[in-house]
Amino acid sequence: MQKLHLVMGGRVKDPRTLEFADLNELDLVGVYPDYASAEDAWRSSAQRTVDDAEMKYVIVHLHRLLQPDQPEA
């Protein structure tokens, strides 16, 4: 099974949550075929905004959304 991962980020309303302030301003970094490459992209994007507490980047496990009944291997 292909394990796709989406890396995205943006300004959040509260740094303790993942509620994005403006969905039109999300930074869609990309979709990656494995966690390692997604983590590299996430780390790069997060490092650029490390001094801005209201900017957050996340990794979304798309394969879990696309095939929720599939057991993790």
N, C-alpha and C. Protein backbone atom coordinates (compact mmCIF):
# COMPACT_ATOMS: atom_id res chain seq x y z
N MET A 1 0.84 -1.18 0.00
CA MET A 1 0.00 0.00 0.00
C MET A 1 0.88 1.25 0.00
N GLN A 2 0.54 2.20 -0.84
CA GLN A 2 1.26 3.47 -0.88
C GLN A 2 0.84 4.32 0.32
N LYS A 3 1.81 4.86 1.03
CA LYS A 3 1.52 5.65 2.23
C LYS A 3 1.80 7.12 1.96
N LEU A 4 0.78 7.81 1.49
CA LEU A 4 0.92 9.23 1.14
C LEU A 4 0.83 10.12 2.38
N HIS A 5 1.63 11.18 2.37
CA HIS A 5 1.65 12.15 3.46
C HIS A 5 1.59 13.56 2.89
N LEU A 6 0.75 14.39 3.47
CA LEU A 6 0.62 15.79 3.07
C LEU A 6 1.30 16.66 4.12
N VAL A 7 2.12 17.60 3.67
CA VAL A 7 2.74 18.57 4.57
C VAL A 7 2.10 19.92 4.27
N MET A 8 1.57 20.55 5.32
CA MET A 8 0.92 21.85 5.16
C MET A 8 1.10 22.66 6.43
N GLY A 9 0.86 23.96 6.31
CA GLY A 9 0.99 24.80 7.48
C GLY A 9 0.35 26.15 7.25
N GLY A 10 0.37 26.93 8.30
CA GLY A 10 -0.19 28.27 8.22
C GLY A 10 -0.29 28.90 9.60
N ARG A 11 -0.84 30.07 9.62
CA ARG A 11 -1.01 30.81 10.86
C ARG A 11 -2.20 30.23 11.64
N VAL A 12 -2.00 29.98 12.93
CA VAL A 12 -3.06 29.43 13.78
C VAL A 12 -3.62 30.53 14.68
N LYS A 13 -4.87 30.34 15.11
CA LYS A 13 -5.51 31.32 15.99
C LYS A 13 -4.89 31.33 17.37
N ASP A 14 -4.50 30.15 17.83
CA ASP A 14 -3.91 29.98 19.16
C ASP A 14 -2.76 28.98 19.01
N PRO A 15 -1.55 29.31 19.43
CA PRO A 15 -0.41 28.40 19.26
C PRO A 15 -0.56 27.04 19.94
N ARG A 16 -1.53 26.92 20.84
CA ARG A 16 -1.76 25.63 21.51
C ARG A 16 -2.71 24.72 20.74
N THR A 17 -3.25 25.21 19.62
CA THR A 17 -4.21 24.42 18.84
C THR A 17 -3.76 24.31 17.38
N LEU A 18 -4.56 23.61 16.61
CA LEU A 18 -4.32 23.49 15.17
C LEU A 18 -5.45 24.13 14.37
N GLU A 19 -6.11 25.13 14.95
CA GLU A 19 -7.17 25.83 14.23
C GLU A 19 -6.53 26.96 13.42
N PHE A 20 -6.52 26.77 12.10
CA PHE A 20 -5.87 27.74 11.23
C PHE A 20 -6.72 29.00 11.11
N ALA A 21 -6.05 30.15 11.12
CA ALA A 21 -6.73 31.45 11.10
C ALA A 21 -7.39 31.73 9.76
N ASP A 22 -6.74 31.38 8.65
CA ASP A 22 -7.28 31.68 7.33
C ASP A 22 -6.94 30.53 6.38
N LEU A 23 -7.94 29.73 6.07
CA LEU A 23 -7.72 28.56 5.22
C LEU A 23 -7.26 28.94 3.82
N ASN A 24 -7.60 30.14 3.37
CA ASN A 24 -7.14 30.59 2.05
C ASN A 24 -5.64 30.87 2.02
N GLU A 25 -5.04 31.01 3.17
CA GLU A 25 -3.61 31.32 3.26
C GLU A 25 -2.76 30.10 3.64
N LEU A 26 -3.34 28.90 3.64
CA LEU A 26 -2.56 27.70 3.98
C LEU A 26 -1.42 27.51 2.99
N ASP A 27 -0.30 27.09 3.51
CA ASP A 27 0.86 26.75 2.69
C ASP A 27 0.85 25.24 2.48
N LEU A 28 0.44 24.81 1.29
CA LEU A 28 0.42 23.39 0.96
C LEU A 28 1.79 23.05 0.40
N VAL A 29 2.64 22.49 1.24
CA VAL A 29 4.03 22.23 0.89
C VAL A 29 4.12 21.13 -0.16
N GLY A 30 3.37 20.03 0.05
CA GLY A 30 3.39 18.96 -0.94
C GLY A 30 2.89 17.64 -0.39
N VAL A 31 2.80 16.67 -1.29
CA VAL A 31 2.41 15.30 -0.95
C VAL A 31 3.64 14.42 -1.17
N TYR A 32 3.92 13.55 -0.21
CA TYR A 32 5.14 12.75 -0.22
C TYR A 32 4.81 11.26 -0.09
N PRO A 33 5.64 10.40 -0.70
CA PRO A 33 5.35 8.97 -0.76
C PRO A 33 5.69 8.20 0.52
N ASP A 34 6.38 8.83 1.45
CA ASP A 34 6.74 8.14 2.69
C ASP A 34 6.93 9.17 3.80
N TYR A 35 6.92 8.68 5.02
CA TYR A 35 7.00 9.58 6.18
C TYR A 35 8.35 10.31 6.23
N ALA A 36 9.42 9.63 5.88
CA ALA A 36 10.75 10.24 5.98
C ALA A 36 10.87 11.48 5.09
N SER A 37 10.41 11.38 3.86
CA SER A 37 10.50 12.55 2.98
C SER A 37 9.52 13.65 3.42
N ALA A 38 8.36 13.26 3.95
CA ALA A 38 7.42 14.25 4.48
C ALA A 38 8.02 14.96 5.69
N GLU A 39 8.71 14.20 6.53
CA GLU A 39 9.32 14.80 7.71
C GLU A 39 10.42 15.79 7.32
N ASP A 40 11.19 15.47 6.29
CA ASP A 40 12.22 16.39 5.81
C ASP A 40 11.59 17.70 5.34
N ALA A 41 10.49 17.61 4.58
CA ALA A 41 9.80 18.80 4.08
C ALA A 41 9.19 19.58 5.24
N TRP A 42 8.60 18.88 6.18
CA TRP A 42 8.01 19.53 7.36
C TRP A 42 9.09 20.29 8.14
N ARG A 43 10.21 19.61 8.39
CA ARG A 43 11.30 20.21 9.17
C ARG A 43 11.83 21.48 8.48
N SER A 44 11.99 21.41 7.19
CA SER A 44 12.46 22.56 6.42
C SER A 44 11.49 23.74 6.52
N SER A 45 10.21 23.46 6.35
CA SER A 45 9.20 24.52 6.43
C SER A 45 9.08 25.08 7.84
N ALA A 46 9.09 24.22 8.83
CA ALA A 46 8.96 24.66 10.22
C ALA A 46 10.18 25.49 10.65
N GLN A 47 11.37 25.12 10.18
CA GLN A 47 12.58 25.88 10.54
C GLN A 47 12.54 27.30 10.02
N ARG A 48 11.95 27.49 8.83
CA ARG A 48 11.86 28.84 8.26
C ARG A 48 11.05 29.79 9.14
N THR A 49 10.09 29.24 9.89
CA THR A 49 9.18 30.08 10.69
C THR A 49 9.33 29.81 12.19
N VAL A 50 10.48 29.31 12.60
CA VAL A 50 10.68 28.90 13.99
C VAL A 50 10.47 30.05 14.99
N ASP A 51 10.70 31.28 14.58
CA ASP A 51 10.55 32.42 15.49
C ASP A 51 9.12 32.97 15.54
N ASP A 52 8.22 32.40 14.78
CA ASP A 52 6.83 32.87 14.73
C ASP A 52 5.94 31.81 15.38
N ALA A 53 5.54 32.04 16.63
CA ALA A 53 4.77 31.05 17.39
C ALA A 53 3.40 30.76 16.79
N GLU A 54 2.89 31.66 15.95
CA GLU A 54 1.56 31.46 15.37
C GLU A 54 1.60 30.70 14.04
N MET A 55 2.79 30.33 13.59
CA MET A 55 2.91 29.53 12.36
C MET A 55 3.18 28.08 12.73
N LYS A 56 2.37 27.18 12.17
CA LYS A 56 2.53 25.75 12.44
C LYS A 56 2.50 24.98 11.14
N TYR A 57 3.33 23.96 11.07
CA TYR A 57 3.33 23.01 9.97
C TYR A 57 3.04 21.64 10.52
N VAL A 58 2.31 20.84 9.75
CA VAL A 58 1.91 19.50 10.19
C VAL A 58 2.09 18.50 9.06
N ILE A 59 2.15 17.23 9.46
CA ILE A 59 2.15 16.12 8.50
C ILE A 59 0.81 15.41 8.65
N VAL A 60 0.09 15.30 7.56
CA VAL A 60 -1.21 14.61 7.55
C VAL A 60 -1.01 13.25 6.87
N HIS A 61 -1.40 12.20 7.55
CA HIS A 61 -1.28 10.84 7.02
C HIS A 61 -2.45 10.57 6.08
N LEU A 62 -2.29 10.94 4.81
CA LEU A 62 -3.38 10.79 3.84
C LEU A 62 -3.81 9.34 3.68
N HIS A 63 -2.86 8.41 3.77
CA HIS A 63 -3.21 7.00 3.58
C HIS A 63 -4.20 6.53 4.65
N ARG A 64 -4.16 7.12 5.83
CA ARG A 64 -5.11 6.75 6.90
C ARG A 64 -6.50 7.28 6.59
N LEU A 65 -6.57 8.41 5.91
CA LEU A 65 -7.87 8.98 5.53
C LEU A 65 -8.46 8.23 4.33
N LEU A 66 -7.59 7.84 3.40
CA LEU A 66 -8.06 7.17 2.18
C LEU A 66 -8.46 5.72 2.42
N GLN A 67 -7.77 5.06 3.36
CA GLN A 67 -8.06 3.65 3.66
C GLN A 67 -8.08 3.44 5.17
N PRO A 68 -9.11 3.94 5.86
CA PRO A 68 -9.13 3.90 7.32
C PRO A 68 -9.19 2.48 7.91
N ASP A 69 -9.66 1.52 7.15
CA ASP A 69 -9.76 0.15 7.67
C ASP A 69 -8.47 -0.65 7.50
N GLN A 70 -7.50 -0.08 6.80
CA GLN A 70 -6.25 -0.78 6.53
C GLN A 70 -5.39 -0.78 7.80
N PRO A 71 -4.93 -1.95 8.24
CA PRO A 71 -4.08 -1.99 9.44
C PRO A 71 -2.70 -1.38 9.15
N GLU A 72 -2.12 -0.72 10.15
CA GLU A 72 -0.78 -0.15 10.01
C GLU A 72 0.24 -1.28 10.01
N ALA A 73 1.19 -1.19 9.12
CA ALA A 73 2.23 -2.24 9.04
C ALA A 73 3.54 -1.72 9.58
